[in-house]
Amino acid sequence: MEQLLSEEKNRASERIDRVSTVELLRIINREDQTVADAVSQEIPRIAAAVDAIVERFRQSGRLFYLGAGTSGRLGVLDAAECPPTFGTPAERVQGLLAGGEAAIFRASEGSEDDPKAGQADLEASGFGPKDALVGITASGRTPYVLGAVAYARSLGALTVGLSCNPESQLSRNVDLAITPVVGPEVIAGSTRMKAGSAQKLVLNMLSTAVMVKMGYVLGNLMVKLQLNSEKLIARGRRIVAEVAGCDNDLAARALAQADHDVRVAILMAKFGLAPDAALQRLAEAGDSLSRAIGSEGGP
């Protein structure tokens, strides 16, 4: 562990305990500014992972994030945000954390040391050959993640590794390796900081780009969001009105008739379709709203 770049002492923060509060925060902020650059270096590899995950999705596969500690919690967070943001079923993107749900709220550090636990968690989730696994570990050597990756590869599933240390064991054991090298942390060993920020950025990019490629976004509008709060209902109404080119009253009526499905409501309002006809048009366009709007043969 002491040989890992993420575990080294950071020269820029050696006196962080002896400076003013303002300077302490400036030190952290200056180091944080290096994270986006590290992630940008990995865009070609992130893009390869996105395309490979989309291919699995189009074959009814699922996406699993798996990690321990901060890395695992970030995966759980990104998975949890996919259903409300993109309207995906809860099982389509899943987050698995060493130590289970209890470890979300209370650290369970010892659970990361068992490679068999990673495999067991995948088996319990019904993970299969058509699925994709993103193993997340800042060090690139967490046994829980490595065990899960080995099991996933034995099934022929897609494996992606997200770590922050070059030439890690994880990067050598996966189909696709994403390695934003953020360097030593402000506080030595606290990989919840720069490494955690890099992982969060990469996970945002992975899930968002996958959903865009799947046709769940039109332009830069979320058109498959779940309208389960007053705020989201209002947002959905605005999206329908903007895309369909209609007033808010017509957008609200279309949403009500479409059972709050934004994409169906857009097609209804834009083309004067009944709900069943709008659903059929969407299905014929491969569940892509952009293709449904631009498809030939419509009204």
C-alpha atoms as a PDB file:
ATOM      1  CA  MET A   1       0.000   0.000   0.000  1.00  0.00           C
ATOM      2  CA  GLU A   2       2.788   2.461   0.880  1.00  0.00           C
ATOM      3  CA  GLN A   3       4.069   2.225  -2.705  1.00  0.00           C
ATOM      4  CA  LEU A   4       0.781   3.410  -4.198  1.00  0.00           C
ATOM      5  CA  LEU A   5       0.712   6.939  -5.603  1.00  0.00           C
ATOM      6  CA  SER A   6      -2.582   7.642  -3.827  1.00  0.00           C
ATOM      7  CA  GLU A   7      -0.945   6.792  -0.482  1.00  0.00           C
ATOM      8  CA  GLU A   8       2.061   9.101  -0.831  1.00  0.00           C
ATOM      9  CA  LYS A   9       2.434  12.342   1.123  1.00  0.00           C
ATOM     10  CA  ASN A  10       1.399  15.463  -0.748  1.00  0.00           C
ATOM     11  CA  ARG A  11       4.096  18.141  -0.713  1.00  0.00           C
ATOM     12  CA  ALA A  12       1.515  20.895  -1.303  1.00  0.00           C
ATOM     13  CA  SER A  13      -0.304  20.144   1.953  1.00  0.00           C
ATOM     14  CA  GLU A  14       2.568  19.301   4.299  1.00  0.00           C
ATOM     15  CA  ARG A  15       1.809  22.316   6.530  1.00  0.00           C
ATOM     16  CA  ILE A  16      -1.975  22.161   6.278  1.00  0.00           C
ATOM     17  CA  ASP A  17      -2.330  21.853  10.063  1.00  0.00           C
ATOM     18  CA  ARG A  18      -0.401  25.106  10.624  1.00  0.00           C
ATOM     19  CA  VAL A  19      -2.068  27.528   8.234  1.00  0.00           C
ATOM     20  CA  SER A  20      -5.170  29.701   8.502  1.00  0.00           C
ATOM     21  CA  THR A  21      -8.580  28.254   7.753  1.00  0.00           C
ATOM     22  CA  VAL A  22      -8.730  30.226   4.494  1.00  0.00           C
ATOM     23  CA  GLU A  23      -5.350  28.913   3.340  1.00  0.00           C
ATOM     24  CA  LEU A  24      -6.279  25.372   4.407  1.00  0.00           C
ATOM     25  CA  LEU A  25      -9.327  25.531   2.144  1.00  0.00           C
ATOM     26  CA  ARG A  26      -7.299  27.056  -0.695  1.00  0.00           C
ATOM     27  CA  ILE A  27      -4.875  24.146  -0.515  1.00  0.00           C
ATOM     28  CA  ILE A  28      -7.748  21.677  -0.810  1.00  0.00           C
ATOM     29  CA  ASN A  29      -9.325  23.674  -3.645  1.00  0.00           C
ATOM     30  CA  ARG A  30      -6.078  23.901  -5.627  1.00  0.00           C
ATOM     31  CA  GLU A  31      -5.652  20.156  -5.401  1.00  0.00           C
ATOM     32  CA  ASP A  32      -9.288  19.555  -6.354  1.00  0.00           C
ATOM     33  CA  GLN A  33      -8.744  21.568  -9.535  1.00  0.00           C
ATOM     34  CA  THR A  34      -6.350  18.882 -10.780  1.00  0.00           C
ATOM     35  CA  VAL A  35      -9.072  16.209 -10.694  1.00  0.00           C
ATOM     36  CA  ALA A  36     -10.964  17.269 -13.821  1.00  0.00           C
ATOM     37  CA  ASP A  37      -7.732  17.288 -15.821  1.00  0.00           C
ATOM     38  CA  ALA A  38      -6.940  13.756 -14.667  1.00  0.00           C
ATOM     39  CA  VAL A  39     -10.400  12.598 -15.732  1.00  0.00           C
ATOM     40  CA  SER A  40     -10.081  14.329 -19.119  1.00  0.00           C
ATOM     41  CA  GLN A  41      -7.041  12.176 -19.881  1.00  0.00           C
ATOM     42  CA  GLU A  42      -9.259   9.105 -19.572  1.00  0.00           C
ATOM     43  CA  ILE A  43     -12.039  10.188 -21.958  1.00  0.00           C
ATOM     44  CA  PRO A  44     -11.045   7.740 -24.750  1.00  0.00           C
ATOM     45  CA  ARG A  45     -11.241   4.853 -22.274  1.00  0.00           C
ATOM     46  CA  ILE A  46     -14.474   6.146 -20.725  1.00  0.00           C
ATOM     47  CA  ALA A  47     -15.945   6.357 -24.235  1.00  0.00           C
ATOM     48  CA  ALA A  48     -14.948   2.759 -24.947  1.00  0.00           C
ATOM     49  CA  ALA A  49     -16.657   1.671 -21.733  1.00  0.00           C
ATOM     50  CA  VAL A  50     -19.821   3.626 -22.595  1.00  0.00           C
ATOM     51  CA  ASP A  51     -20.077   2.013 -26.032  1.00  0.00           C
ATOM     52  CA  ALA A  52     -19.490  -1.453 -24.599  1.00  0.00           C
ATOM     53  CA  ILE A  53     -22.119  -0.950 -21.875  1.00  0.00           C
ATOM     54  CA  VAL A  54     -24.645   0.351 -24.427  1.00  0.00           C
ATOM     55  CA  GLU A  55     -24.077  -2.786 -26.493  1.00  0.00           C
ATOM     56  CA  ARG A  56     -24.908  -4.865 -23.402  1.00  0.00           C
ATOM     57  CA  PHE A  57     -27.971  -2.733 -22.670  1.00  0.00           C
ATOM     58  CA  ARG A  58     -29.286  -3.312 -26.179  1.00  0.00           C
ATOM     59  CA  GLN A  59     -29.095  -7.037 -25.495  1.00  0.00           C
ATOM     60  CA  SER A  60     -31.142  -6.631 -22.279  1.00  0.00           C
ATOM     61  CA  GLY A  61     -28.031  -6.613 -20.125  1.00  0.00           C
ATOM     62  CA  ARG A  62     -27.636  -4.642 -16.908  1.00  0.00           C
ATOM     63  CA  LEU A  63     -24.972  -2.409 -15.373  1.00  0.00           C
ATOM     64  CA  PHE A  64     -23.510  -3.170 -11.958  1.00  0.00           C
ATOM     65  CA  TYR A  65     -21.244  -0.905  -9.915  1.00  0.00           C
ATOM     66  CA  LEU A  66     -19.301  -2.682  -7.190  1.00  0.00           C
ATOM     67  CA  GLY A  67     -16.858  -1.388  -4.603  1.00  0.00           C
ATOM     68  CA  ALA A  68     -15.999  -0.943  -0.952  1.00  0.00           C
ATOM     69  CA  GLY A  69     -16.041   2.111   1.296  1.00  0.00           C
ATOM     70  CA  THR A  70     -16.248   5.474  -0.475  1.00  0.00           C
ATOM     71  CA  SER A  71     -15.845   3.850  -3.896  1.00  0.00           C
ATOM     72  CA  GLY A  72     -18.763   1.515  -3.303  1.00  0.00           C
ATOM     73  CA  ARG A  73     -20.974   4.259  -1.890  1.00  0.00           C
ATOM     74  CA  LEU A  74     -20.357   6.389  -4.980  1.00  0.00           C
ATOM     75  CA  GLY A  75     -21.473   3.470  -7.142  1.00  0.00           C
ATOM     76  CA  VAL A  76     -24.627   3.013  -5.069  1.00  0.00           C
ATOM     77  CA  LEU A  77     -25.356   6.744  -5.382  1.00  0.00           C
ATOM     78  CA  ASP A  78     -25.004   6.784  -9.160  1.00  0.00           C
ATOM     79  CA  ALA A  79     -27.166   3.677  -9.518  1.00  0.00           C
ATOM     80  CA  ALA A  80     -29.853   5.119  -7.240  1.00  0.00           C
ATOM     81  CA  GLU A  81     -30.081   8.269  -9.351  1.00  0.00           C
ATOM     82  CA  CYS A  82     -30.704   6.476 -12.658  1.00  0.00           C
ATOM     83  CA  PRO A  83     -34.406   5.579 -12.163  1.00  0.00           C
ATOM     84  CA  PRO A  84     -35.640   9.084 -11.261  1.00  0.00           C
ATOM     85  CA  THR A  85     -33.398  10.792 -13.811  1.00  0.00           C
ATOM     86  CA  PHE A  86     -33.664   8.450 -16.770  1.00  0.00           C
ATOM     87  CA  GLY A  87     -36.711   6.319 -15.994  1.00  0.00           C
ATOM     88  CA  THR A  88     -34.766   3.059 -15.893  1.00  0.00           C
ATOM     89  CA  PRO A  89     -36.111   0.111 -13.903  1.00  0.00           C
ATOM     90  CA  ALA A  90     -34.357  -0.166 -10.545  1.00  0.00           C
ATOM     91  CA  GLU A  91     -32.721  -3.450 -11.541  1.00  0.00           C
ATOM     92  CA  ARG A  92     -31.176  -2.008 -14.750  1.00  0.00           C
ATOM     93  CA  VAL A  93     -28.371  -0.169 -12.922  1.00  0.00           C
ATOM     94  CA  GLN A  94     -27.388  -1.603  -9.541  1.00  0.00           C
ATOM     95  CA  GLY A  95     -24.826  -0.681  -6.907  1.00  0.00           C
ATOM     96  CA  LEU A  96     -23.215  -3.350  -4.736  1.00  0.00           C
ATOM     97  CA  LEU A  97     -21.246  -2.363  -1.638  1.00  0.00           C
ATOM     98  CA  ALA A  98     -18.959  -4.474   0.520  1.00  0.00           C
ATOM     99  CA  GLY A  99     -20.795  -5.017   3.782  1.00  0.00           C
ATOM    100  CA  GLY A 100     -24.232  -4.539   2.229  1.00  0.00           C
ATOM    101  CA  GLU A 101     -26.752  -1.765   2.814  1.00  0.00           C
ATOM    102  CA  ALA A 102     -25.628  -1.200   6.406  1.00  0.00           C
ATOM    103  CA  ALA A 103     -22.212  -0.098   5.099  1.00  0.00           C
ATOM    104  CA  ILE A 104     -23.817   2.864   3.329  1.00  0.00           C
ATOM    105  CA  PHE A 105     -24.283   4.581   6.678  1.00  0.00           C
ATOM    106  CA  ARG A 106     -21.616   2.964   8.846  1.00  0.00           C
ATOM    107  CA  ALA A 107     -18.116   2.023   7.675  1.00  0.00           C
ATOM    108  CA  SER A 108     -17.463  -1.698   7.332  1.00  0.00           C
ATOM    109  CA  GLU A 109     -13.826  -1.635   6.306  1.00  0.00           C
ATOM    110  CA  GLY A 110     -13.013  -5.276   7.024  1.00  0.00           C
ATOM    111  CA  SER A 111     -15.569  -6.547   4.521  1.00  0.00           C
ATOM    112  CA  GLU A 112     -13.465  -5.322   1.606  1.00  0.00           C
ATOM    113  CA  ASP A 113     -10.765  -7.935   2.282  1.00  0.00           C
ATOM    114  CA  ASP A 114     -12.789 -10.970   1.174  1.00  0.00           C
ATOM    115  CA  PRO A 115     -12.658 -11.718  -2.580  1.00  0.00           C
ATOM    116  CA  LYS A 116     -15.304 -14.416  -2.193  1.00  0.00           C
ATOM    117  CA  ALA A 117     -17.747 -11.818  -0.841  1.00  0.00           C
ATOM    118  CA  GLY A 118     -17.549  -9.892  -4.119  1.00  0.00           C
ATOM    119  CA  GLN A 119     -18.411 -13.019  -6.084  1.00  0.00           C
ATOM    120  CA  ALA A 120     -21.169 -13.937  -3.641  1.00  0.00           C
ATOM    121  CA  ASP A 121     -22.794 -10.515  -3.964  1.00  0.00           C
ATOM    122  CA  LEU A 122     -22.803 -10.788  -7.755  1.00  0.00           C
ATOM    123  CA  GLU A 123     -24.249 -14.285  -7.613  1.00  0.00           C
ATOM    124  CA  ALA A 124     -26.989 -13.150  -5.231  1.00  0.00           C
ATOM    125  CA  SER A 125     -27.947 -10.366  -7.638  1.00  0.00           C
ATOM    126  CA  GLY A 126     -28.334 -12.787 -10.543  1.00  0.00           C
ATOM    127  CA  PHE A 127     -25.407 -11.288 -12.446  1.00  0.00           C
ATOM    128  CA  GLY A 128     -24.971 -12.989 -15.811  1.00  0.00           C
ATOM    129  CA  PRO A 129     -22.984 -13.099 -19.063  1.00  0.00           C
ATOM    130  CA  LYS A 130     -24.981 -10.292 -20.726  1.00  0.00           C
ATOM    131  CA  ASP A 131     -24.301  -7.861 -17.880  1.00  0.00           C
ATOM    132  CA  ALA A 132     -21.542  -5.282 -17.356  1.00  0.00           C
ATOM    133  CA  LEU A 133     -19.553  -4.821 -14.144  1.00  0.00           C
ATOM    134  CA  VAL A 134     -17.728  -1.635 -13.180  1.00  0.00           C
ATOM    135  CA  GLY A 135     -15.370  -2.444 -10.323  1.00  0.00           C
ATOM    136  CA  ILE A 136     -14.462   0.685  -8.345  1.00  0.00           C
ATOM    137  CA  THR A 137     -11.430   0.912  -6.062  1.00  0.00           C
ATOM    138  CA  ALA A 138      -9.095   3.882  -5.679  1.00  0.00           C
ATOM    139  CA  SER A 139      -6.134   1.637  -4.870  1.00  0.00           C
ATOM    140  CA  GLY A 140      -6.863  -0.853  -7.643  1.00  0.00           C
ATOM    141  CA  ARG A 141      -6.183  -3.749  -5.305  1.00  0.00           C
ATOM    142  CA  THR A 142      -9.282  -4.224  -3.114  1.00  0.00           C
ATOM    143  CA  PRO A 143      -9.876  -8.007  -2.791  1.00  0.00           C
ATOM    144  CA  TYR A 144     -13.690  -7.649  -2.729  1.00  0.00           C
ATOM    145  CA  VAL A 145     -13.586  -5.958  -6.144  1.00  0.00           C
ATOM    146  CA  LEU A 146     -10.936  -8.258  -7.609  1.00  0.00           C
ATOM    147  CA  GLY A 147     -12.934 -11.333  -6.614  1.00  0.00           C
ATOM    148  CA  ALA A 148     -16.053  -9.955  -8.270  1.00  0.00           C
ATOM    149  CA  VAL A 149     -14.140  -9.065 -11.440  1.00  0.00           C
ATOM    150  CA  ALA A 150     -12.651 -12.558 -11.684  1.00  0.00           C
ATOM    151  CA  TYR A 151     -16.113 -14.095 -11.357  1.00  0.00           C
ATOM    152  CA  ALA A 152     -17.630 -11.728 -13.933  1.00  0.00           C
ATOM    153  CA  ARG A 153     -14.892 -12.531 -16.436  1.00  0.00           C
ATOM    154  CA  SER A 154     -15.402 -16.246 -15.922  1.00  0.00           C
ATOM    155  CA  LEU A 155     -18.992 -15.746 -17.095  1.00  0.00           C
ATOM    156  CA  GLY A 156     -17.968 -13.782 -20.159  1.00  0.00           C
ATOM    157  CA  ALA A 157     -19.512 -10.550 -18.848  1.00  0.00           C
ATOM    158  CA  LEU A 158     -18.034  -7.135 -19.608  1.00  0.00           C
ATOM    159  CA  THR A 159     -15.628  -5.904 -16.930  1.00  0.00           C
ATOM    160  CA  VAL A 160     -14.552  -2.293 -16.443  1.00  0.00           C
ATOM    161  CA  GLY A 161     -12.109  -1.182 -13.767  1.00  0.00           C
ATOM    162  CA  LEU A 162     -12.124   2.310 -12.240  1.00  0.00           C
ATOM    163  CA  SER A 163      -9.078   3.062 -10.091  1.00  0.00           C
ATOM    164  CA  CYS A 164      -6.673   5.928  -9.438  1.00  0.00           C
ATOM    165  CA  ASN A 165      -3.289   4.211  -9.416  1.00  0.00           C
ATOM    166  CA  PRO A 166      -1.418   3.420 -12.638  1.00  0.00           C
ATOM    167  CA  GLU A 167      -0.685  -0.201 -13.530  1.00  0.00           C
ATOM    168  CA  SER A 168      -2.913  -1.491 -10.739  1.00  0.00           C
ATOM    169  CA  GLN A 169      -3.914  -5.112 -10.325  1.00  0.00           C
ATOM    170  CA  LEU A 170      -7.475  -4.146 -11.238  1.00  0.00           C
ATOM    171  CA  SER A 171      -6.436  -2.469 -14.496  1.00  0.00           C
ATOM    172  CA  ARG A 172      -4.609  -5.648 -15.529  1.00  0.00           C
ATOM    173  CA  ASN A 173      -7.604  -7.882 -14.775  1.00  0.00           C
ATOM    174  CA  VAL A 174     -10.445  -6.118 -16.620  1.00  0.00           C
ATOM    175  CA  ASP A 175     -11.524  -5.738 -20.235  1.00  0.00           C
ATOM    176  CA  LEU A 176     -11.424  -1.946 -20.019  1.00  0.00           C
ATOM    177  CA  ALA A 177      -9.466   0.105 -17.480  1.00  0.00           C
ATOM    178  CA  ILE A 178     -10.245   3.722 -16.564  1.00  0.00           C
ATOM    179  CA  THR A 179      -7.476   5.238 -14.446  1.00  0.00           C
ATOM    180  CA  PRO A 180      -7.655   8.954 -13.614  1.00  0.00           C
ATOM    181  CA  VAL A 181      -4.338   9.514 -11.840  1.00  0.00           C
ATOM    182  CA  VAL A 182      -5.024  12.278  -9.324  1.00  0.00           C
ATOM    183  CA  GLY A 183      -1.800  11.888  -7.341  1.00  0.00           C
ATOM    184  CA  PRO A 184      -1.337  12.046  -3.575  1.00  0.00           C
ATOM    185  CA  GLU A 185      -4.287  13.182  -1.491  1.00  0.00           C
ATOM    186  CA  VAL A 186      -4.330  16.387   0.545  1.00  0.00           C
ATOM    187  CA  ILE A 187      -4.592  14.181   3.638  1.00  0.00           C
ATOM    188  CA  ALA A 188      -2.469  11.092   3.048  1.00  0.00           C
ATOM    189  CA  GLY A 189      -4.602   8.031   2.420  1.00  0.00           C
ATOM    190  CA  SER A 190      -7.953   9.834   2.435  1.00  0.00           C
ATOM    191  CA  THR A 191      -9.058   8.576  -0.965  1.00  0.00           C
ATOM    192  CA  ARG A 192     -12.553   9.921  -0.348  1.00  0.00           C
ATOM    193  CA  MET A 193     -11.111  13.267  -1.474  1.00  0.00           C
ATOM    194  CA  LYS A 194      -9.435  13.625  -4.897  1.00  0.00           C
ATOM    195  CA  ALA A 195      -9.820   9.968  -5.827  1.00  0.00           C
ATOM    196  CA  GLY A 196     -13.455  10.019  -4.718  1.00  0.00           C
ATOM    197  CA  SER A 197     -14.110  13.178  -6.725  1.00  0.00           C
ATOM    198  CA  ALA A 198     -12.549  11.606  -9.829  1.00  0.00           C
ATOM    199  CA  GLN A 199     -14.616   8.458  -9.406  1.00  0.00           C
ATOM    200  CA  LYS A 200     -17.803  10.497  -9.024  1.00  0.00           C
ATOM    201  CA  LEU A 201     -17.046  12.421 -12.231  1.00  0.00           C
ATOM    202  CA  VAL A 202     -16.348   9.228 -14.178  1.00  0.00           C
ATOM    203  CA  LEU A 203     -19.503   7.507 -12.906  1.00  0.00           C
ATOM    204  CA  ASN A 204     -21.578  10.562 -13.863  1.00  0.00           C
ATOM    205  CA  MET A 205     -20.075  10.411 -17.343  1.00  0.00           C
ATOM    206  CA  LEU A 206     -20.650   6.675 -17.712  1.00  0.00           C
ATOM    207  CA  SER A 207     -24.313   6.609 -16.696  1.00  0.00           C
ATOM    208  CA  THR A 208     -25.249   9.863 -18.423  1.00  0.00           C
ATOM    209  CA  ALA A 209     -23.546   8.972 -21.703  1.00  0.00           C
ATOM    210  CA  VAL A 210     -25.078   5.490 -21.696  1.00  0.00           C
ATOM    211  CA  MET A 211     -28.568   6.925 -21.232  1.00  0.00           C
ATOM    212  CA  VAL A 212     -28.002   9.533 -23.954  1.00  0.00           C
ATOM    213  CA  LYS A 213     -26.867   6.807 -26.359  1.00  0.00           C
ATOM    214  CA  MET A 214     -29.920   4.743 -25.414  1.00  0.00           C
ATOM    215  CA  GLY A 215     -32.186   7.605 -26.526  1.00  0.00           C
ATOM    216  CA  TYR A 216     -33.440   8.612 -23.068  1.00  0.00           C
ATOM    217  CA  VAL A 217     -32.367  12.225 -23.630  1.00  0.00           C
ATOM    218  CA  LEU A 218     -33.566  14.603 -26.354  1.00  0.00           C
ATOM    219  CA  GLY A 219     -31.111  17.406 -27.016  1.00  0.00           C
ATOM    220  CA  ASN A 220     -30.060  18.051 -23.432  1.00  0.00           C
ATOM    221  CA  LEU A 221     -33.495  17.411 -21.920  1.00  0.00           C
ATOM    222  CA  MET A 222     -34.327  14.462 -19.675  1.00  0.00           C
ATOM    223  CA  VAL A 223     -37.365  13.042 -21.456  1.00  0.00           C
ATOM    224  CA  LYS A 224     -37.666   9.742 -19.575  1.00  0.00           C
ATOM    225  CA  LEU A 225     -37.652  11.126 -16.049  1.00  0.00           C
ATOM    226  CA  GLN A 226     -40.114   9.826 -13.467  1.00  0.00           C
ATOM    227  CA  LEU A 227     -42.716  12.421 -12.481  1.00  0.00           C
ATOM    228  CA  ASN A 228     -43.205  11.447  -8.841  1.00  0.00           C
ATOM    229  CA  SER A 229     -43.122  14.875  -7.168  1.00  0.00           C
ATOM    230  CA  GLU A 230     -44.678  18.296  -7.779  1.00  0.00           C
ATOM    231  CA  LYS A 231     -41.287  19.655  -8.867  1.00  0.00           C
ATOM    232  CA  LEU A 232     -40.787  16.870 -11.402  1.00  0.00           C
ATOM    233  CA  ILE A 233     -44.356  17.126 -12.705  1.00  0.00           C
ATOM    234  CA  ALA A 234     -43.775  20.828 -13.376  1.00  0.00           C
ATOM    235  CA  ARG A 235     -40.468  20.024 -15.049  1.00  0.00           C
ATOM    236  CA  GLY A 236     -42.120  17.371 -17.213  1.00  0.00           C
ATOM    237  CA  ARG A 237     -44.835  19.808 -18.257  1.00  0.00           C
ATOM    238  CA  ARG A 238     -42.232  22.379 -19.301  1.00  0.00           C
ATOM    239  CA  ILE A 239     -40.346  19.775 -21.320  1.00  0.00           C
ATOM    240  CA  VAL A 240     -43.494  18.625 -23.133  1.00  0.00           C
ATOM    241  CA  ALA A 241     -44.449  22.211 -23.952  1.00  0.00           C
ATOM    242  CA  GLU A 242     -40.960  23.069 -25.220  1.00  0.00           C
ATOM    243  CA  VAL A 243     -40.447  19.982 -27.389  1.00  0.00           C
ATOM    244  CA  ALA A 244     -43.998  19.758 -28.727  1.00  0.00           C
ATOM    245  CA  GLY A 245     -44.291  23.500 -29.239  1.00  0.00           C
ATOM    246  CA  CYS A 246     -47.542  23.764 -27.321  1.00  0.00           C
ATOM    247  CA  ASP A 247     -48.868  25.731 -24.343  1.00  0.00           C
ATOM    248  CA  ASN A 248     -48.706  24.505 -20.745  1.00  0.00           C
ATOM    249  CA  ASP A 249     -52.390  23.567 -20.616  1.00  0.00           C
ATOM    250  CA  LEU A 250     -52.111  21.208 -23.586  1.00  0.00           C
ATOM    251  CA  ALA A 251     -48.874  19.803 -22.155  1.00  0.00           C
ATOM    252  CA  ALA A 252     -50.588  19.124 -18.813  1.00  0.00           C
ATOM    253  CA  ARG A 253     -53.538  17.383 -20.501  1.00  0.00           C
ATOM    254  CA  ALA A 254     -51.244  15.253 -22.629  1.00  0.00           C
ATOM    255  CA  LEU A 255     -49.200  14.237 -19.575  1.00  0.00           C
ATOM    256  CA  ALA A 256     -52.345  13.228 -17.691  1.00  0.00           C
ATOM    257  CA  GLN A 257     -53.599  11.136 -20.614  1.00  0.00           C
ATOM    258  CA  ALA A 258     -50.126   9.598 -21.081  1.00  0.00           C
ATOM    259  CA  ASP A 259     -49.986   8.497 -17.438  1.00  0.00           C
ATOM    260  CA  HIS A 260     -47.156  11.008 -16.874  1.00  0.00           C
ATOM    261  CA  ASP A 261     -44.907   9.474 -19.553  1.00  0.00           C
ATOM    262  CA  VAL A 262     -43.105  12.543 -20.919  1.00  0.00           C
ATOM    263  CA  ARG A 263     -42.108  10.951 -24.228  1.00  0.00           C
ATOM    264  CA  VAL A 264     -45.610   9.703 -24.969  1.00  0.00           C
ATOM    265  CA  ALA A 265     -47.064  13.083 -24.012  1.00  0.00           C
ATOM    266  CA  ILE A 266     -44.660  14.844 -26.376  1.00  0.00           C
ATOM    267  CA  LEU A 267     -45.724  12.665 -29.300  1.00  0.00           C
ATOM    268  CA  MET A 268     -49.392  13.144 -28.428  1.00  0.00           C
ATOM    269  CA  ALA A 269     -49.116  16.927 -28.210  1.00  0.00           C
ATOM    270  CA  LYS A 270     -46.840  17.325 -31.223  1.00  0.00           C
ATOM    271  CA  PHE A 271     -48.699  15.053 -33.651  1.00  0.00           C
ATOM    272  CA  GLY A 272     -52.220  14.955 -32.204  1.00  0.00           C
ATOM    273  CA  LEU A 273     -51.979  11.262 -31.402  1.00  0.00           C
ATOM    274  CA  ALA A 274     -53.961   9.139 -28.989  1.00  0.00           C
ATOM    275  CA  PRO A 275     -51.913   7.515 -26.181  1.00  0.00           C
ATOM    276  CA  ASP A 276     -51.885   4.056 -27.840  1.00  0.00           C
ATOM    277  CA  ALA A 277     -50.779   5.502 -31.169  1.00  0.00           C
ATOM    278  CA  ALA A 278     -48.012   7.491 -29.489  1.00  0.00           C
ATOM    279  CA  LEU A 279     -46.795   4.388 -27.665  1.00  0.00           C
ATOM    280  CA  GLN A 280     -46.769   2.434 -30.907  1.00  0.00           C
ATOM    281  CA  ARG A 281     -44.829   5.159 -32.685  1.00  0.00           C
ATOM    282  CA  LEU A 282     -42.256   5.180 -29.893  1.00  0.00           C
ATOM    283  CA  ALA A 283     -41.927   1.388 -30.019  1.00  0.00           C
ATOM    284  CA  GLU A 284     -41.479   1.422 -33.791  1.00  0.00           C
ATOM    285  CA  ALA A 285     -38.667   3.946 -33.322  1.00  0.00           C
ATOM    286  CA  GLY A 286     -36.796   1.551 -31.030  1.00  0.00           C
ATOM    287  CA  ASP A 287     -37.803   3.432 -27.864  1.00  0.00           C
ATOM    288  CA  SER A 288     -35.937   6.536 -29.119  1.00  0.00           C
ATOM    289  CA  LEU A 289     -37.916   9.764 -28.944  1.00  0.00           C
ATOM    290  CA  SER A 290     -35.630  11.550 -31.408  1.00  0.00           C
ATOM    291  CA  ARG A 291     -36.251   8.865 -34.009  1.00  0.00           C
ATOM    292  CA  ALA A 292     -39.979   8.848 -33.222  1.00  0.00           C
ATOM    293  CA  ILE A 293     -40.174  12.586 -33.816  1.00  0.00           C
ATOM    294  CA  GLY A 294     -38.186  12.399 -37.032  1.00  0.00           C
ATOM    295  CA  SER A 295     -39.536   9.048 -38.274  1.00  0.00           C
ATOM    296  CA  GLU A 296     -41.242   8.923 -41.633  1.00  0.00           C
ATOM    297  CA  GLY A 297     -44.833   7.904 -42.103  1.00  0.00           C
ATOM    298  CA  GLY A 298     -46.145   9.778 -39.102  1.00  0.00           C
ATOM    299  CA  PRO A 299     -48.998  12.297 -39.091  1.00  0.00           C
END
